[in-house]
N, C-alpha and C. Protein backbone atom coordinates (compact mmCIF):
# COMPACT_ATOMS: atom_id res chain seq x y z
N UNK A 1 13.87 -14.39 38.89
CA UNK A 1 14.46 -12.77 39.47
C UNK A 1 15.05 -12.02 38.78
N UNK A 2 14.47 -10.82 38.95
CA UNK A 2 14.99 -10.11 37.70
C UNK A 2 16.26 -9.80 38.04
N UNK A 3 16.35 -9.10 36.73
CA UNK A 3 18.19 -8.30 36.61
C UNK A 3 18.01 -6.94 37.61
N UNK A 4 17.80 -7.00 38.76
CA UNK A 4 17.83 -5.62 38.67
C UNK A 4 19.38 -4.89 40.19
N UNK A 5 20.25 -5.36 39.98
CA UNK A 5 21.43 -5.93 39.97
C UNK A 5 21.74 -5.73 41.78
N UNK A 6 20.65 -5.76 42.82
CA UNK A 6 20.41 -6.27 44.02
C UNK A 6 20.72 -7.24 44.12
N UNK A 7 20.93 -7.64 46.05
CA UNK A 7 21.10 -9.25 46.11
C UNK A 7 19.69 -9.15 46.20
N UNK A 8 19.10 -10.40 45.81
CA UNK A 8 17.80 -10.69 46.53
C UNK A 8 17.56 -12.67 46.59
N UNK A 9 16.90 -13.04 47.64
CA UNK A 9 16.58 -13.94 47.75
C UNK A 9 16.89 -15.35 46.34
N UNK A 10 17.52 -16.04 46.27
CA UNK A 10 17.09 -16.92 45.23
C UNK A 10 18.05 -17.03 44.28
N UNK A 11 18.08 -17.12 42.74
CA UNK A 11 19.55 -17.09 42.08
C UNK A 11 19.45 -15.67 41.45
N UNK A 12 20.68 -15.27 41.48
CA UNK A 12 20.84 -13.89 41.22
C UNK A 12 21.00 -14.30 39.34
N UNK A 13 20.34 -13.36 38.51
CA UNK A 13 20.47 -13.44 36.93
C UNK A 13 21.62 -12.55 36.27
N UNK A 14 21.79 -11.44 36.96
CA UNK A 14 22.65 -10.75 36.41
C UNK A 14 21.72 -9.51 35.92
N UNK A 15 22.89 -8.75 35.34
CA UNK A 15 22.28 -7.14 35.10
C UNK A 15 21.46 -7.44 33.14
N UNK A 16 20.88 -6.59 32.96
CA UNK A 16 20.18 -6.83 31.61
C UNK A 16 21.36 -6.62 30.69
N UNK A 17 21.17 -8.10 29.90
CA UNK A 17 22.30 -8.09 28.60
C UNK A 17 22.88 -9.45 29.02
N UNK A 18 23.29 -9.61 30.27
CA UNK A 18 24.10 -10.76 30.38
C UNK A 18 23.35 -11.43 31.85
N UNK A 19 22.40 -11.99 31.36
CA UNK A 19 21.44 -12.72 32.40
C UNK A 19 21.97 -13.80 33.09
N UNK A 20 23.11 -14.16 32.83
CA UNK A 20 24.02 -15.56 33.22
C UNK A 20 23.14 -16.89 33.49
N UNK A 21 22.11 -16.78 33.14
CA UNK A 21 21.40 -18.13 33.10
C UNK A 21 22.66 -18.99 32.04
N UNK A 22 22.13 -20.59 32.29
CA UNK A 22 22.54 -21.41 31.52
C UNK A 22 22.26 -21.18 29.98
N UNK A 23 22.78 -21.55 29.49
CA UNK A 23 22.04 -22.05 27.77
C UNK A 23 21.04 -22.67 27.52
N UNK A 24 20.04 -22.56 26.84
CA UNK A 24 18.91 -23.04 26.66
C UNK A 24 18.57 -24.04 25.50
N UNK A 25 18.36 -25.89 26.39
CA UNK A 25 18.69 -26.76 25.20
C UNK A 25 17.55 -27.22 24.31
N UNK A 26 17.78 -27.40 23.20
CA UNK A 26 16.68 -28.29 22.39
C UNK A 26 16.16 -26.99 21.71
N UNK A 27 16.92 -26.06 21.19
CA UNK A 27 16.65 -24.74 20.49
C UNK A 27 17.84 -25.12 19.10
N UNK A 28 16.73 -24.55 18.09
CA UNK A 28 17.91 -25.30 16.68
C UNK A 28 17.69 -23.76 15.96
N UNK A 29 18.76 -23.52 15.72
CA UNK A 29 18.56 -22.10 14.85
C UNK A 29 19.28 -22.39 13.72
N UNK A 30 19.00 -22.02 12.42
CA UNK A 30 19.13 -22.18 11.13
C UNK A 30 19.78 -20.91 10.20
N UNK A 31 20.62 -20.14 9.37
CA UNK A 31 20.96 -19.68 9.24
C UNK A 31 21.13 -19.85 7.43
N UNK A 32 21.31 -18.76 6.43
CA UNK A 32 21.52 -18.83 5.05
C UNK A 32 22.73 -18.04 5.08
N UNK A 33 23.64 -18.01 4.09
CA UNK A 33 24.75 -17.39 3.52
C UNK A 33 23.98 -16.43 2.86
N UNK A 34 24.07 -14.62 2.40
CA UNK A 34 23.83 -13.93 1.75
C UNK A 34 23.89 -14.33 0.55
N UNK A 35 25.26 -14.82 -0.13
CA UNK A 35 25.42 -14.99 -1.31
C UNK A 35 24.81 -16.06 -1.97
N UNK A 36 23.19 -16.94 -0.60
CA UNK A 36 22.89 -18.15 -1.39
C UNK A 36 21.41 -18.24 -1.31
N UNK A 37 21.42 -16.25 -0.89
CA UNK A 37 19.34 -16.05 -1.10
C UNK A 37 19.64 -15.48 -2.52
N UNK A 38 18.30 -15.47 -2.62
CA UNK A 38 17.39 -15.17 -3.82
C UNK A 38 16.97 -13.40 -3.35
N UNK A 39 17.32 -12.70 -3.59
CA UNK A 39 16.92 -11.97 -2.86
C UNK A 39 15.87 -11.02 -3.67
N UNK A 40 15.81 -11.22 -5.07
CA UNK A 40 14.51 -10.91 -6.04
C UNK A 40 13.87 -12.25 -6.59
N UNK A 41 14.15 -13.45 -5.59
CA UNK A 41 13.54 -14.59 -6.39
C UNK A 41 11.77 -14.27 -6.32
N UNK A 42 11.05 -14.85 -7.50
CA UNK A 42 9.54 -14.48 -7.96
C UNK A 42 9.19 -12.95 -7.73
N UNK A 43 9.66 -11.94 -7.52
CA UNK A 43 9.41 -10.77 -7.44
C UNK A 43 8.49 -10.03 -9.08
N UNK A 44 9.15 -10.82 -10.12
CA UNK A 44 8.44 -10.22 -11.48
C UNK A 44 6.88 -11.14 -11.18
N UNK A 45 7.45 -12.38 -10.81
CA UNK A 45 5.77 -12.89 -11.00
C UNK A 45 5.05 -12.25 -9.95
N UNK A 46 5.63 -12.25 -8.40
CA UNK A 46 4.69 -11.68 -7.54
C UNK A 46 3.85 -10.65 -8.13
N UNK A 47 4.99 -9.30 -9.03
CA UNK A 47 4.32 -8.24 -8.97
C UNK A 47 3.42 -8.10 -10.53
N UNK A 48 3.38 -9.35 -10.81
CA UNK A 48 2.38 -9.12 -11.90
C UNK A 48 0.77 -9.61 -11.69
N UNK A 49 1.11 -10.69 -10.51
CA UNK A 49 -0.42 -11.37 -10.10
C UNK A 49 -0.93 -10.64 -8.98
N UNK A 50 -0.08 -10.32 -8.04
CA UNK A 50 -0.84 -9.08 -7.54
C UNK A 50 -0.59 -8.12 -7.55
N UNK A 51 -0.28 -7.49 -9.27
CA UNK A 51 -1.07 -6.12 -9.27
C UNK A 51 -2.41 -6.81 -10.01
N UNK A 52 -2.25 -7.67 -10.42
CA UNK A 52 -3.93 -7.95 -11.12
C UNK A 52 -5.02 -8.73 -10.08
N UNK A 53 -4.81 -8.95 -9.19
CA UNK A 53 -5.49 -8.83 -8.00
C UNK A 53 -5.76 -8.22 -7.49
N UNK A 54 -5.28 -7.37 -6.91
CA UNK A 54 -5.36 -6.06 -6.36
C UNK A 54 -6.38 -4.90 -7.32
N UNK A 55 -5.97 -5.02 -8.29
CA UNK A 55 -6.82 -4.46 -9.41
C UNK A 55 -7.88 -5.13 -9.31
N UNK A 56 -8.23 -6.21 -10.14
CA UNK A 56 -9.46 -6.80 -10.42
C UNK A 56 -10.49 -6.57 -8.87
N UNK A 57 -9.77 -6.48 -7.40
CA UNK A 57 -10.34 -6.15 -6.30
C UNK A 57 -11.06 -4.99 -6.22
N UNK A 58 -10.26 -3.83 -6.39
CA UNK A 58 -10.52 -2.50 -6.32
C UNK A 58 -11.04 -1.81 -7.33
N UNK A 59 -10.95 -2.54 -8.84
CA UNK A 59 -11.48 -1.73 -9.83
C UNK A 59 -12.92 -1.27 -10.01
N UNK A 60 -13.75 -1.43 -8.95
CA UNK A 60 -14.88 -0.88 -8.90
C UNK A 60 -15.03 0.30 -7.99
N UNK A 61 -14.02 0.86 -7.18
CA UNK A 61 -13.73 1.68 -6.23
C UNK A 61 -12.95 2.50 -7.26
N UNK A 62 -12.92 2.30 -8.27
CA UNK A 62 -12.39 3.68 -9.03
C UNK A 62 -12.43 3.35 -10.58
N UNK A 63 -12.96 2.53 -11.07
CA UNK A 63 -13.02 2.62 -12.24
C UNK A 63 -14.75 2.98 -12.48
N UNK A 64 -15.59 2.75 -12.54
CA UNK A 64 -16.82 4.06 -12.12
C UNK A 64 -17.21 5.08 -11.74
N UNK A 65 -16.32 5.74 -10.40
CA UNK A 65 -15.82 6.99 -10.48
C UNK A 65 -15.06 7.91 -11.85
N UNK A 66 -14.04 6.74 -12.27
CA UNK A 66 -13.27 7.61 -13.62
C UNK A 66 -14.34 7.39 -14.76
N UNK A 67 -15.22 6.76 -15.05
CA UNK A 67 -16.17 6.63 -16.42
C UNK A 67 -17.09 7.64 -15.98
N UNK A 68 -17.39 8.04 -14.70
CA UNK A 68 -18.43 8.86 -14.91
C UNK A 68 -17.94 10.55 -14.82
N UNK A 69 -16.80 10.49 -14.24
CA UNK A 69 -16.18 11.91 -14.60
C UNK A 69 -15.43 11.87 -15.97
N UNK A 70 -15.11 11.12 -16.84
CA UNK A 70 -15.22 11.08 -18.06
C UNK A 70 -15.96 11.81 -18.88
N UNK A 71 -16.91 10.95 -18.50
CA UNK A 71 -18.26 11.17 -19.60
C UNK A 71 -19.22 12.74 -18.99
N UNK A 72 -18.71 13.24 -17.59
CA UNK A 72 -19.23 14.31 -17.12
C UNK A 72 -18.62 15.31 -18.31
N UNK A 73 -16.95 15.22 -18.19
CA UNK A 73 -16.09 15.77 -18.67
C UNK A 73 -16.63 16.07 -20.57
N UNK A 74 -16.78 14.96 -20.93
CA UNK A 74 -16.81 15.00 -22.51
C UNK A 74 -18.07 15.85 -22.86
N UNK A 75 -19.18 15.36 -21.98
CA UNK A 75 -20.30 16.21 -22.07
C UNK A 75 -20.19 17.63 -22.07
N UNK A 76 -19.30 18.22 -21.00
CA UNK A 76 -19.42 19.84 -20.66
C UNK A 76 -18.54 20.11 -21.89
N UNK A 77 -17.39 19.56 -22.21
CA UNK A 77 -16.71 19.77 -23.72
C UNK A 77 -17.40 20.10 -24.61
N UNK A 78 -18.63 18.85 -24.95
CA UNK A 78 -19.50 19.67 -26.18
C UNK A 78 -20.19 20.41 -25.85
N UNK A 79 -20.91 20.80 -24.56
CA UNK A 79 -21.57 21.70 -24.33
C UNK A 79 -21.01 23.10 -24.70
N UNK A 80 -19.85 23.43 -24.11
CA UNK A 80 -19.28 24.65 -24.59
C UNK A 80 -18.69 24.83 -25.75
N UNK A 81 -18.52 23.49 -25.93
CA UNK A 81 -18.18 24.23 -27.86
C UNK A 81 -19.63 24.44 -28.78
N UNK A 82 -20.62 23.79 -28.60
CA UNK A 82 -21.72 24.30 -29.24
C UNK A 82 -22.52 25.59 -28.51
N UNK A 83 -22.39 25.89 -27.33
CA UNK A 83 -23.08 27.23 -26.91
C UNK A 83 -22.17 28.44 -27.46
N UNK A 84 -20.68 28.18 -28.11
CA UNK A 84 -19.68 29.08 -27.90
C UNK A 84 -19.72 29.26 -30.00
N UNK A 85 -20.51 28.08 -30.37
CA UNK A 85 -20.69 27.83 -31.69
C UNK A 85 -21.67 29.05 -32.09
N UNK A 86 -21.48 29.58 -33.72
CA UNK A 86 -22.45 30.25 -34.05
C UNK A 86 -23.95 30.14 -33.94
N UNK A 87 -24.44 28.57 -33.78
CA UNK A 87 -25.92 28.09 -33.77
C UNK A 87 -26.13 27.85 -32.15
N UNK A 88 -25.38 28.19 -31.26
CA UNK A 88 -25.39 27.94 -29.77
C UNK A 88 -25.32 29.48 -29.50
N UNK A 89 -24.79 30.35 -30.00
CA UNK A 89 -25.19 32.01 -30.18
C UNK A 89 -26.07 32.26 -30.17
N UNK A 90 -26.69 31.74 -31.72
CA UNK A 90 -27.90 32.10 -32.26
C UNK A 90 -29.20 32.08 -31.17
N UNK A 91 -28.90 30.66 -30.74
CA UNK A 91 -30.14 30.02 -29.95
C UNK A 91 -30.40 30.35 -28.50
N UNK A 92 -29.33 31.25 -28.14
CA UNK A 92 -28.97 31.42 -26.62
C UNK A 92 -28.84 32.53 -26.24
N UNK A 93 -29.52 33.30 -27.38
CA UNK A 93 -28.70 35.24 -27.69
C UNK A 93 -29.52 36.17 -26.56
N UNK A 94 -30.60 35.25 -26.43
CA UNK A 94 -31.73 36.73 -25.48
C UNK A 94 -31.43 36.05 -24.48
N UNK A 95 -30.91 35.05 -23.98
CA UNK A 95 -31.00 34.81 -22.47
C UNK A 95 -29.29 35.45 -21.74
N UNK A 96 -28.44 35.83 -22.45
CA UNK A 96 -27.41 36.75 -22.18
C UNK A 96 -27.52 38.72 -21.64
N UNK A 97 -28.73 38.41 -22.07
CA UNK A 97 -28.86 39.84 -21.40
C UNK A 97 -29.66 40.56 -20.44
């Protein structure tokens, strides 16, 4: 029966939070004191190996675009320096006008 507060035929279980049923048997609960826990137990080890595992799984998603971007940027810088040099200006002087 629900705990609606009204009298219904059958067993009344009480209002929400105090259902009034007998305690359940055969349930074992365990607890550990706060000063017996290792809050950072294995954190350094897991940080190293989780980082390695995740990096290994994701490397193709970020390394390939990074290499392409770096090589494009290096080419653009080299091309810009050439076009602004004496030889580049002499080669492309007629195209500017």
